[in-house]
Protein backbone atom coordinates (compact mmCIF):
# COMPACT_ATOMS: atom_id res chain seq x y z
CA MET A 1 107.53 83.08 -31.67
CA LYS A 2 108.64 86.60 -31.13
CA THR A 3 109.63 88.28 -27.88
CA CYS A 4 108.27 91.72 -26.88
CA ILE A 5 111.21 94.08 -26.22
CA TYR A 6 109.30 95.77 -23.40
CA LYS A 7 107.47 93.01 -21.49
CA LYS A 8 109.81 90.13 -22.57
CA ASN A 9 106.72 87.97 -23.18
CA GLU A 10 106.40 85.80 -26.27
CA PHE A 11 103.77 86.51 -28.93
CA ALA A 12 102.90 84.93 -32.26
CA THR A 13 101.50 87.93 -34.16
CA ALA A 14 101.14 91.65 -33.61
CA ASP A 15 99.95 94.70 -35.42
CA GLY A 16 102.72 96.84 -36.85
CA GLU A 17 104.52 99.07 -34.39
CA HIS A 18 105.69 102.37 -35.90
CA ILE A 19 109.47 102.77 -35.59
CA LEU A 20 108.98 106.54 -35.79
CA GLN A 21 105.53 107.83 -34.96
CA ASN A 22 102.93 107.86 -37.70
CA PHE A 23 101.97 111.50 -36.96
CA LEU A 24 105.51 112.49 -37.93
CA GLY A 25 105.09 110.95 -41.35
CA ALA A 26 106.86 107.67 -40.70
CA ARG A 27 105.66 104.57 -42.56
CA TRP A 28 108.31 102.23 -41.07
CA VAL A 29 106.56 99.47 -39.20
CA SER A 30 107.68 96.28 -37.49
CA ASN A 31 105.53 93.33 -36.45
CA ASP A 32 108.40 91.79 -34.53
CA ILE A 33 109.32 94.24 -31.73
CA SER A 34 106.32 94.58 -29.37
CA CYS A 35 103.09 92.84 -28.54
CA ASN A 36 99.68 94.32 -29.15
CA GLU A 37 99.10 94.89 -25.46
CA VAL A 38 102.15 97.22 -25.18
CA GLN A 39 101.27 98.92 -28.44
CA ALA A 40 97.72 99.70 -27.18
CA PHE A 41 99.09 101.07 -23.87
CA PHE A 42 101.66 103.28 -25.59
CA GLY A 43 99.04 104.51 -28.12
CA GLU A 44 96.84 105.66 -25.28
CA THR A 45 99.60 107.25 -23.18
CA ILE A 46 103.09 108.00 -24.50
CA ASP A 47 102.22 108.27 -28.22
CA SER A 48 99.25 110.54 -27.55
CA ALA A 49 101.28 112.87 -25.30
CA LEU A 50 104.15 112.97 -27.82
CA GLU A 51 101.78 113.90 -30.62
CA GLN A 52 100.19 116.70 -28.59
CA GLY A 53 103.55 118.03 -27.47
CA LEU A 54 104.93 118.12 -31.04
CA ARG A 55 101.77 119.36 -32.79
CA GLN A 56 103.05 122.95 -33.31
CA PHE A 57 106.36 121.73 -34.68
CA ARG A 58 104.71 119.33 -37.09
CA ASN A 59 102.62 122.20 -38.46
CA LEU A 60 105.53 124.63 -38.66
CA LEU A 61 107.61 122.14 -40.60
CA GLY A 62 104.65 121.20 -42.79
CA THR A 63 105.12 117.46 -41.98
CA LYS A 64 102.38 115.20 -43.37
CA GLY A 65 101.22 112.24 -41.32
CA GLY A 66 102.04 108.67 -42.34
CA ARG A 67 98.78 108.45 -44.25
CA GLY A 68 99.52 111.77 -46.07
CA ASP A 69 97.22 113.91 -43.97
CA ASP A 70 98.01 117.47 -42.97
CA GLY A 71 98.76 118.45 -39.40
CA PRO A 72 95.93 119.35 -37.02
CA ASP A 73 94.46 122.82 -36.98
CA LEU A 74 96.33 124.87 -34.38
CA ARG A 75 93.38 127.18 -33.73
CA MET A 76 91.79 124.37 -31.68
CA LEU A 77 94.62 124.16 -29.15
């Protein structure tokens, strides 16, 4: 069993949590640090807000996403 670093609950399996956010080009993932419930909550709140706040910087730096995709079109902001 693993222990979620945020909720301190035990879990057997979890999807991979990105150590650095995927939209920044990170591919480092851990299945051992947080449960799926926390990952889903962060994905809908903190991760989404962070991605929106850093969108311009990602494009200026030409950073590709973790899946190799280009940054979002800034004209739609």
